[in-house]
PDB file of all heavy atoms in Angstrom:
ATOM      1  N   GLN A   1       0.750  -1.240  -0.009  1.00  0.00           N
ATOM      2  CA  GLN A   1       0.008  -0.043   0.024  1.00  0.00           C
ATOM      3  C   GLN A   1       0.848   1.193   0.030  1.00  0.00           C
ATOM      4  O   GLN A   1       0.314   2.306  -0.505  1.00  0.00           O
ATOM      5  CB  GLN A   1      -1.021   0.003   1.253  1.00  0.00           C
ATOM      6  CG  GLN A   1      -2.076   1.124   1.179  1.00  0.00           C
ATOM      7  CD  GLN A   1      -3.054   0.871   2.337  1.00  0.00           C
ATOM      8  OE1 GLN A   1      -3.066  -0.096   2.950  1.00  0.00           O
ATOM      9  NE2 GLN A   1      -3.841   1.751   2.467  1.00  0.00           N
ATOM     10  N   ILE A   2       2.021   1.125   0.561  1.00  0.00           N
ATOM     11  CA  ILE A   2       2.886   2.377   0.675  1.00  0.00           C
ATOM     12  C   ILE A   2       4.267   1.906   0.158  1.00  0.00           C
ATOM     13  O   ILE A   2       4.614   0.799  -0.129  1.00  0.00           O
ATOM     14  CB  ILE A   2       3.046   2.979   2.007  1.00  0.00           C
ATOM     15  CG1 ILE A   2       3.649   2.072   3.036  1.00  0.00           C
ATOM     16  CG2 ILE A   2       1.710   3.549   2.547  1.00  0.00           C
ATOM     17  CD1 ILE A   2       3.950   2.636   4.390  1.00  0.00           C
ATOM     18  N   ASP A   3       5.207   2.937   0.007  1.00  0.00           N
ATOM     19  CA  ASP A   3       6.585   2.624  -0.308  1.00  0.00           C
ATOM     20  C   ASP A   3       7.341   2.111   0.877  1.00  0.00           C
ATOM     21  O   ASP A   3       8.058   2.974   1.439  1.00  0.00           O
ATOM     22  CB  ASP A   3       7.251   3.846  -1.021  1.00  0.00           C
ATOM     23  CG  ASP A   3       8.583   3.612  -1.525  1.00  0.00           C
ATOM     24  OD1 ASP A   3       8.958   2.384  -1.751  1.00  0.00           O
ATOM     25  OD2 ASP A   3       9.319   4.612  -1.649  1.00  0.00           O
ATOM     26  N   TRP A   4       7.268   0.985   1.319  1.00  0.00           N
ATOM     27  CA  TRP A   4       7.925   0.516   2.480  1.00  0.00           C
ATOM     28  C   TRP A   4       9.429   0.371   2.234  1.00  0.00           C
ATOM     29  O   TRP A   4       9.900   0.227   0.979  1.00  0.00           O
ATOM     30  CB  TRP A   4       7.435  -0.948   2.831  1.00  0.00           C
ATOM     31  CG  TRP A   4       6.068  -1.038   3.338  1.00  0.00           C
ATOM     32  CD1 TRP A   4       4.878  -1.210   2.732  1.00  0.00           C
ATOM     33  CD2 TRP A   4       5.669  -0.912   4.754  1.00  0.00           C
ATOM     34  NE1 TRP A   4       3.900  -1.358   3.478  1.00  0.00           N
ATOM     35  CE2 TRP A   4       4.269  -1.106   4.808  1.00  0.00           C
ATOM     36  CE3 TRP A   4       6.352  -0.692   5.948  1.00  0.00           C
ATOM     37  CZ2 TRP A   4       3.653  -0.995   6.052  1.00  0.00           C
ATOM     38  CZ3 TRP A   4       5.666  -0.587   7.109  1.00  0.00           C
ATOM     39  CH2 TRP A   4       4.305  -0.753   7.134  1.00  0.00           C
ATOM     40  N   GLN A   5      10.235   0.422   3.172  1.00  0.00           N
ATOM     41  CA  GLN A   5      11.654   0.030   3.098  1.00  0.00           C
ATOM     42  C   GLN A   5      11.728  -1.295   3.256  1.00  0.00           C
ATOM     43  O   GLN A   5      11.286  -1.927   4.334  1.00  0.00           O
ATOM     44  CB  GLN A   5      12.423   0.850   4.118  1.00  0.00           C
ATOM     45  CG  GLN A   5      13.941   0.610   4.089  1.00  0.00           C
ATOM     46  CD  GLN A   5      14.748   1.422   5.140  1.00  0.00           C
ATOM     47  OE1 GLN A   5      14.042   2.002   6.024  1.00  0.00           O
ATOM     48  NE2 GLN A   5      15.961   1.370   5.125  1.00  0.00           N
ATOM     49  N   SER A   6      12.252  -2.207   2.243  1.00  0.00           N
ATOM     50  CA  SER A   6      12.194  -3.538   2.369  1.00  0.00           C
ATOM     51  C   SER A   6      13.593  -4.072   2.671  1.00  0.00           C
ATOM     52  O   SER A   6      14.647  -3.696   1.918  1.00  0.00           O
ATOM     53  CB  SER A   6      11.747  -4.073   0.950  1.00  0.00           C
ATOM     54  OG  SER A   6      11.707  -5.571   1.021  1.00  0.00           O
ATOM     55  N   PHE A   7      13.777  -4.966   3.669  1.00  0.00           N
ATOM     56  CA  PHE A   7      14.938  -5.683   3.970  1.00  0.00           C
ATOM     57  C   PHE A   7      14.872  -7.072   3.639  1.00  0.00           C
ATOM     58  O   PHE A   7      13.956  -7.797   4.063  1.00  0.00           O
ATOM     59  CB  PHE A   7      15.177  -5.462   5.567  1.00  0.00           C
ATOM     60  CG  PHE A   7      15.419  -4.012   5.922  1.00  0.00           C
ATOM     61  CD1 PHE A   7      14.285  -3.343   6.370  1.00  0.00           C
ATOM     62  CD2 PHE A   7      16.687  -3.431   5.977  1.00  0.00           C
ATOM     63  CE1 PHE A   7      14.431  -2.021   6.754  1.00  0.00           C
ATOM     64  CE2 PHE A   7      16.887  -2.148   6.447  1.00  0.00           C
ATOM     65  CZ  PHE A   7      15.654  -1.450   6.843  1.00  0.00           C
ATOM     66  N   GLN A   8      15.761  -7.435   2.661  1.00  0.00           N
ATOM     67  CA  GLN A   8      15.624  -8.769   2.129  1.00  0.00           C
ATOM     68  C   GLN A   8      17.114  -9.497   2.101  1.00  0.00           C
ATOM     69  O   GLN A   8      17.896  -9.339   1.208  1.00  0.00           O
ATOM     70  CB  GLN A   8      15.056  -8.895   0.802  1.00  0.00           C
ATOM     71  CG  GLN A   8      13.662  -8.348   0.586  1.00  0.00           C
ATOM     72  CD  GLN A   8      12.652  -9.176   1.256  1.00  0.00           C
ATOM     73  OE1 GLN A   8      12.801 -10.446   1.361  1.00  0.00           O
ATOM     74  NE2 GLN A   8      11.587  -8.618   1.816  1.00  0.00           N
ATOM     75  N   THR A   9      17.600  -9.861   3.312  1.00  0.00           N
ATOM     76  CA  THR A   9      18.953 -10.470   3.327  1.00  0.00           C
ATOM     77  C   THR A   9      18.883 -11.765   4.083  1.00  0.00           C
ATOM     78  O   THR A   9      17.840 -12.144   4.726  1.00  0.00           O
ATOM     79  CB  THR A   9      19.737  -9.559   4.118  1.00  0.00           C
ATOM     80  OG1 THR A   9      19.574  -9.498   5.471  1.00  0.00           O
ATOM     81  CG2 THR A   9      19.722  -8.100   3.762  1.00  0.00           C
ATOM     82  N   PRO A  10      19.966 -12.530   4.233  1.00  0.00           N
ATOM     83  CA  PRO A  10      19.981 -13.738   4.985  1.00  0.00           C
ATOM     84  C   PRO A  10      19.719 -13.481   6.528  1.00  0.00           C
ATOM     85  O   PRO A  10      19.324 -14.432   7.187  1.00  0.00           O
ATOM     86  CB  PRO A  10      21.411 -14.260   4.846  1.00  0.00           C
ATOM     87  CG  PRO A  10      21.867 -13.779   3.515  1.00  0.00           C
ATOM     88  CD  PRO A  10      21.260 -12.432   3.435  1.00  0.00           C
ATOM     89  N   ALA A  11      19.962 -12.276   6.948  1.00  0.00           N
ATOM     90  CA  ALA A  11      19.633 -11.984   8.366  1.00  0.00           C
ATOM     91  C   ALA A  11      18.453 -11.302   8.701  1.00  0.00           C
ATOM     92  O   ALA A  11      17.884 -11.370   9.838  1.00  0.00           O
ATOM     93  CB  ALA A  11      20.870 -11.113   8.884  1.00  0.00           C
ATOM     94  N   GLU A  12      17.672 -10.752   7.688  1.00  0.00           N
ATOM     95  CA  GLU A  12      16.309 -10.091   7.920  1.00  0.00           C
ATOM     96  C   GLU A  12      15.596 -10.132   6.755  1.00  0.00           C
ATOM     97  O   GLU A  12      16.045  -9.861   5.652  1.00  0.00           O
ATOM     98  CB  GLU A  12      16.586  -8.728   8.479  1.00  0.00           C
ATOM     99  CG  GLU A  12      17.468  -7.755   7.579  1.00  0.00           C
ATOM    100  CD  GLU A  12      17.792  -6.441   8.244  1.00  0.00           C
ATOM    101  OE1 GLU A  12      16.922  -5.984   9.075  1.00  0.00           O
ATOM    102  OE2 GLU A  12      18.823  -5.834   7.884  1.00  0.00           O
ATOM    103  N   LYS A  13      14.360 -10.171   7.051  1.00  0.00           N
ATOM    104  CA  LYS A  13      13.268 -10.154   5.988  1.00  0.00           C
ATOM    105  C   LYS A  13      12.060  -9.458   6.509  1.00  0.00           C
ATOM    106  O   LYS A  13      11.140 -10.052   7.262  1.00  0.00           O
ATOM    107  CB  LYS A  13      12.922 -11.504   5.448  1.00  0.00           C
ATOM    108  CG  LYS A  13      11.876 -11.564   4.208  1.00  0.00           C
ATOM    109  CD  LYS A  13      11.705 -12.912   3.764  1.00  0.00           C
ATOM    110  CE  LYS A  13      10.699 -13.010   2.549  1.00  0.00           C
ATOM    111  NZ  LYS A  13      10.293 -14.304   2.107  1.00  0.00           N
ATOM    112  N   LYS A  14      12.001  -8.104   6.325  1.00  0.00           N
ATOM    113  CA  LYS A  14      10.889  -7.281   6.892  1.00  0.00           C
ATOM    114  C   LYS A  14      10.645  -6.057   6.264  1.00  0.00           C
ATOM    115  O   LYS A  14      11.372  -5.746   5.228  1.00  0.00           O
ATOM    116  CB  LYS A  14      11.300  -6.972   8.521  1.00  0.00           C
ATOM    117  CG  LYS A  14      12.520  -5.949   8.447  1.00  0.00           C
ATOM    118  CD  LYS A  14      12.938  -5.567   9.944  1.00  0.00           C
ATOM    119  CE  LYS A  14      13.913  -4.300   9.892  1.00  0.00           C
ATOM    120  NZ  LYS A  14      14.165  -3.817  11.283  1.00  0.00           N
ATOM    121  N   LEU A  15       9.698  -5.349   6.579  1.00  0.00           N
ATOM    122  CA  LEU A  15       9.282  -4.135   6.028  1.00  0.00           C
ATOM    123  C   LEU A  15       9.312  -3.008   7.101  1.00  0.00           C
ATOM    124  O   LEU A  15       8.931  -3.262   8.223  1.00  0.00           O
ATOM    125  CB  LEU A  15       7.868  -4.077   5.409  1.00  0.00           C
ATOM    126  CG  LEU A  15       7.714  -5.198   4.305  1.00  0.00           C
ATOM    127  CD1 LEU A  15       6.146  -5.213   3.974  1.00  0.00           C
ATOM    128  CD2 LEU A  15       8.548  -4.838   3.019  1.00  0.00           C
ATOM    129  N   ALA A  16       9.682  -1.746   6.720  1.00  0.00           N
ATOM    130  CA  ALA A  16       9.815  -0.673   7.741  1.00  0.00           C
ATOM    131  C   ALA A  16       9.291   0.704   6.996  1.00  0.00           C
ATOM    132  O   ALA A  16       9.582   0.766   5.876  1.00  0.00           O
ATOM    133  CB  ALA A  16      11.131  -0.578   8.261  1.00  0.00           C
ATOM    134  N   SER A  17       8.518   1.441   7.742  1.00  0.00           N
ATOM    135  CA  SER A  17       8.090   2.695   6.995  1.00  0.00           C
ATOM    136  C   SER A  17       9.282   3.629   6.830  1.00  0.00           C
ATOM    137  O   SER A  17      10.277   3.628   7.603  1.00  0.00           O
ATOM    138  CB  SER A  17       7.036   3.450   7.970  1.00  0.00           C
ATOM    139  OG  SER A  17       7.577   3.626   9.257  1.00  0.00           O
ATOM    140  N   LYS A  18       9.237   4.440   5.927  1.00  0.00           N
ATOM    141  CA  LYS A  18      10.301   5.405   5.739  1.00  0.00           C
ATOM    142  C   LYS A  18      10.131   6.699   6.243  1.00  0.00           C
ATOM    143  O   LYS A  18      11.080   7.497   6.472  1.00  0.00           O
ATOM    144  CB  LYS A  18      10.503   5.541   4.045  1.00  0.00           C
ATOM    145  CG  LYS A  18      10.938   4.365   3.315  1.00  0.00           C
ATOM    146  CD  LYS A  18      11.197   4.621   1.918  1.00  0.00           C
ATOM    147  CE  LYS A  18      11.701   3.384   1.116  1.00  0.00           C
ATOM    148  NZ  LYS A  18      11.806   3.658  -0.253  1.00  0.00           N
ATOM    149  N   HIS A  19       8.839   7.144   6.421  1.00  0.00           N
ATOM    150  CA  HIS A  19       8.583   8.506   6.886  1.00  0.00           C
ATOM    151  C   HIS A  19       7.295   8.627   7.628  1.00  0.00           C
ATOM    152  O   HIS A  19       6.403   7.888   7.174  1.00  0.00           O
ATOM    153  CB  HIS A  19       8.756   9.428   5.804  1.00  0.00           C
ATOM    154  CG  HIS A  19       8.932  10.941   6.206  1.00  0.00           C
ATOM    155  ND1 HIS A  19       7.983  11.626   6.613  1.00  0.00           N
ATOM    156  CD2 HIS A  19      10.056  11.671   6.267  1.00  0.00           C
ATOM    157  CE1 HIS A  19       8.428  12.973   6.921  1.00  0.00           C
ATOM    158  NE2 HIS A  19       9.677  12.948   6.651  1.00  0.00           N
ATOM    159  N   GLU A  20       7.085   9.537   8.492  1.00  0.00           N
ATOM    160  CA  GLU A  20       5.753   9.694   9.258  1.00  0.00           C
ATOM    161  C   GLU A  20       4.687  10.135   8.198  1.00  0.00           C
ATOM    162  O   GLU A  20       3.585   9.978   8.536  1.00  0.00           O
ATOM    163  CB  GLU A  20       5.919  10.664  10.352  1.00  0.00           C
ATOM    164  CG  GLU A  20       6.218  12.097   9.860  1.00  0.00           C
ATOM    165  CD  GLU A  20       6.385  13.068  11.013  1.00  0.00           C
ATOM    166  OE1 GLU A  20       7.507  13.050  11.578  1.00  0.00           O
ATOM    167  OE2 GLU A  20       5.304  13.808  11.354  1.00  0.00           O
ATOM    168  N   HIS A  21       5.164  10.576   7.051  1.00  0.00           N
ATOM    169  CA  HIS A  21       4.008  11.100   6.093  1.00  0.00           C
ATOM    170  C   HIS A  21       3.320   9.819   5.536  1.00  0.00           C
ATOM    171  O   HIS A  21       2.175   9.928   4.956  1.00  0.00           O
ATOM    172  CB  HIS A  21       4.703  11.898   4.931  1.00  0.00           C
ATOM    173  CG  HIS A  21       5.301  13.156   5.332  1.00  0.00           C
ATOM    174  ND1 HIS A  21       6.128  13.962   4.564  1.00  0.00           N
ATOM    175  CD2 HIS A  21       5.016  13.940   6.489  1.00  0.00           C
ATOM    176  CE1 HIS A  21       6.347  14.985   5.113  1.00  0.00           C
ATOM    177  NE2 HIS A  21       5.719  15.078   6.210  1.00  0.00           N
ATOM    178  N   GLN A  22       3.765   8.676   5.792  1.00  0.00           N
ATOM    179  CA  GLN A  22       3.145   7.439   5.285  1.00  0.00           C
ATOM    180  C   GLN A  22       2.087   6.968   6.254  1.00  0.00           C
ATOM    181  O   GLN A  22       1.469   5.968   5.880  1.00  0.00           O
ATOM    182  CB  GLN A  22       4.281   6.381   4.982  1.00  0.00           C
ATOM    183  CG  GLN A  22       5.189   6.605   3.928  1.00  0.00           C
ATOM    184  CD  GLN A  22       6.229   5.577   3.849  1.00  0.00           C
ATOM    185  OE1 GLN A  22       6.755   5.079   4.955  1.00  0.00           O
ATOM    186  NE2 GLN A  22       6.619   5.168   2.547  1.00  0.00           N
ATOM    187  N   MET A  23       2.036   7.607   7.360  1.00  0.00           N
ATOM    188  CA  MET A  23       1.162   7.084   8.580  1.00  0.00           C
ATOM    189  C   MET A  23      -0.022   7.885   8.578  1.00  0.00           C
ATOM    190  O   MET A  23      -0.258   9.012   8.261  1.00  0.00           O
ATOM    191  CB  MET A  23       1.900   7.300   9.763  1.00  0.00           C
ATOM    192  CG  MET A  23       3.441   6.575   9.853  1.00  0.00           C
ATOM    193  SD  MET A  23       4.216   6.930  11.352  1.00  0.00           S
ATOM    194  CE  MET A  23       5.930   6.387  10.936  1.00  0.00           C
ATOM    195  N   GLY A  24      -1.052   7.326   9.166  1.00  0.00           N
ATOM    196  CA  GLY A  24      -2.449   7.992   9.439  1.00  0.00           C
ATOM    197  C   GLY A  24      -2.432   8.862  10.559  1.00  0.00           C
ATOM    198  O   GLY A  24      -1.413   8.895  11.315  1.00  0.00           O
ATOM    199  N   ASP A  25      -3.483   9.562  10.753  1.00  0.00           N
ATOM    200  CA  ASP A  25      -3.429  10.700  11.716  1.00  0.00           C
ATOM    201  C   ASP A  25      -3.354  10.091  13.225  1.00  0.00           C
ATOM    202  O   ASP A  25      -2.667  10.764  14.072  1.00  0.00           O
ATOM    203  CB  ASP A  25      -4.571  11.615  11.541  1.00  0.00           C
ATOM    204  CG  ASP A  25      -4.592  12.376  10.291  1.00  0.00           C
ATOM    205  OD1 ASP A  25      -3.577  12.684   9.849  1.00  0.00           O
ATOM    206  OD2 ASP A  25      -5.794  12.789   9.755  1.00  0.00           O
ATOM    207  N   ALA A  26      -4.068   9.098  13.413  1.00  0.00           N
ATOM    208  CA  ALA A  26      -4.104   8.570  14.754  1.00  0.00           C
ATOM    209  C   ALA A  26      -2.638   7.831  15.139  1.00  0.00           C
ATOM    210  O   ALA A  26      -2.246   8.054  16.231  1.00  0.00           O
ATOM    211  CB  ALA A  26      -5.133   7.483  14.834  1.00  0.00           C
ATOM    212  N   THR A  27      -2.134   7.468  14.177  1.00  0.00           N
ATOM    213  CA  THR A  27      -0.675   6.708  14.395  1.00  0.00           C
ATOM    214  C   THR A  27       0.282   7.863  14.585  1.00  0.00           C
ATOM    215  O   THR A  27       1.063   7.805  15.657  1.00  0.00           O
ATOM    216  CB  THR A  27      -0.351   5.956  13.067  1.00  0.00           C
ATOM    217  OG1 THR A  27      -1.241   5.084  12.819  1.00  0.00           O
ATOM    218  CG2 THR A  27       1.034   5.270  13.316  1.00  0.00           C
ATOM    219  N   ARG A  28       0.239   8.920  13.928  1.00  0.00           N
ATOM    220  CA  ARG A  28       1.141  10.047  14.139  1.00  0.00           C
ATOM    221  C   ARG A  28       0.919  10.674  15.524  1.00  0.00           C
ATOM    222  O   ARG A  28       1.917  10.917  16.172  1.00  0.00           O
ATOM    223  CB  ARG A  28       0.976  11.089  13.014  1.00  0.00           C
ATOM    224  CG  ARG A  28       1.461  10.748  11.693  1.00  0.00           C
ATOM    225  CD  ARG A  28       1.736  12.041  10.888  1.00  0.00           C
ATOM    226  NE  ARG A  28       1.324  11.860   9.521  1.00  0.00           N
ATOM    227  CZ  ARG A  28       1.329  12.832   8.437  1.00  0.00           C
ATOM    228  NH1 ARG A  28       1.759  13.958   8.983  1.00  0.00           N
ATOM    229  NH2 ARG A  28       0.910  12.571   7.355  1.00  0.00           N
ATOM    230  N   LEU A  29      -0.354  10.897  15.954  1.00  0.00           N
ATOM    231  CA  LEU A  29      -0.646  11.454  17.113  1.00  0.00           C
ATOM    232  C   LEU A  29      -0.049  10.596  18.264  1.00  0.00           C
ATOM    233  O   LEU A  29       0.581  11.062  19.302  1.00  0.00           O
ATOM    234  CB  LEU A  29      -2.154  11.573  17.377  1.00  0.00           C
ATOM    235  CG  LEU A  29      -2.459  12.119  18.627  1.00  0.00           C
ATOM    236  CD1 LEU A  29      -2.027  13.499  18.921  1.00  0.00           C
ATOM    237  CD2 LEU A  29      -4.119  12.199  18.681  1.00  0.00           C
ATOM    238  N   LEU A  30      -0.111   9.168  18.159  1.00  0.00           N
ATOM    239  CA  LEU A  30       0.307   8.382  19.171  1.00  0.00           C
ATOM    240  C   LEU A  30       1.881   8.434  19.143  1.00  0.00           C
ATOM    241  O   LEU A  30       2.481   8.520  20.293  1.00  0.00           O
ATOM    242  CB  LEU A  30      -0.110   6.968  18.927  1.00  0.00           C
ATOM    243  CG  LEU A  30       0.491   5.912  19.958  1.00  0.00           C
ATOM    244  CD1 LEU A  30       0.184   6.203  21.434  1.00  0.00           C
ATOM    245  CD2 LEU A  30       0.056   4.507  19.502  1.00  0.00           C
ATOM    246  N   LEU A  31       2.555   8.379  18.038  1.00  0.00           N
ATOM    247  CA  LEU A  31       3.975   8.561  18.037  1.00  0.00           C
ATOM    248  C   LEU A  31       4.502   9.764  18.690  1.00  0.00           C
ATOM    249  O   LEU A  31       5.481   9.851  19.423  1.00  0.00           O
ATOM    250  CB  LEU A  31       4.593   8.370  16.489  1.00  0.00           C
ATOM    251  CG  LEU A  31       4.226   6.954  15.974  1.00  0.00           C
ATOM    252  CD1 LEU A  31       4.861   6.901  14.657  1.00  0.00           C
ATOM    253  CD2 LEU A  31       4.911   5.856  16.949  1.00  0.00           C
ATOM    254  N   TYR A  32       3.750  10.929  18.354  1.00  0.00           N
ATOM    255  CA  TYR A  32       4.098  12.175  18.925  1.00  0.00           C
ATOM    256  C   TYR A  32       3.966  12.120  20.474  1.00  0.00           C
ATOM    257  O   TYR A  32       4.793  12.701  21.132  1.00  0.00           O
ATOM    258  CB  TYR A  32       3.252  13.362  18.408  1.00  0.00           C
ATOM    259  CG  TYR A  32       3.434  13.514  16.984  1.00  0.00           C
ATOM    260  CD1 TYR A  32       2.378  14.247  16.224  1.00  0.00           C
ATOM    261  CD2 TYR A  32       4.510  13.110  16.136  1.00  0.00           C
ATOM    262  CE1 TYR A  32       2.552  14.424  14.903  1.00  0.00           C
ATOM    263  CE2 TYR A  32       4.657  13.311  14.713  1.00  0.00           C
ATOM    264  CZ  TYR A  32       3.694  14.001  14.130  1.00  0.00           C
ATOM    265  OH  TYR A  32       3.625  14.245  12.737  1.00  0.00           O
ATOM    266  N   SER A  33       3.003  11.456  20.902  1.00  0.00           N
ATOM    267  CA  SER A  33       2.780  11.420  22.363  1.00  0.00           C
ATOM    268  C   SER A  33       3.820  10.567  23.020  1.00  0.00           C
ATOM    269  O   SER A  33       4.210  10.973  24.180  1.00  0.00           O
ATOM    270  CB  SER A  33       1.361  10.696  22.546  1.00  0.00           C
ATOM    271  OG  SER A  33       0.286  11.568  22.119  1.00  0.00           O
ATOM    272  N   LEU A  34       4.234   9.522  22.320  1.00  0.00           N
ATOM    273  CA  LEU A  34       5.255   8.661  22.829  1.00  0.00           C
ATOM    274  C   LEU A  34       6.594   9.341  22.842  1.00  0.00           C
ATOM    275  O   LEU A  34       7.650   8.775  23.427  1.00  0.00           O
ATOM    276  CB  LEU A  34       5.334   7.347  22.180  1.00  0.00           C
ATOM    277  CG  LEU A  34       4.142   6.436  22.147  1.00  0.00           C
ATOM    278  CD1 LEU A  34       4.032   5.228  21.394  1.00  0.00           C
ATOM    279  CD2 LEU A  34       3.927   6.146  23.726  1.00  0.00           C
TER     280      LEU A  34
END
């Protein structure tokens, strides 16, 4: 759905967000609170 940062190596296979602009409003609000 978004431009995930994709890690595909023998040590890791996962996705990570690149920027807060990819996140929804509730998610950003929680991250700012944390």
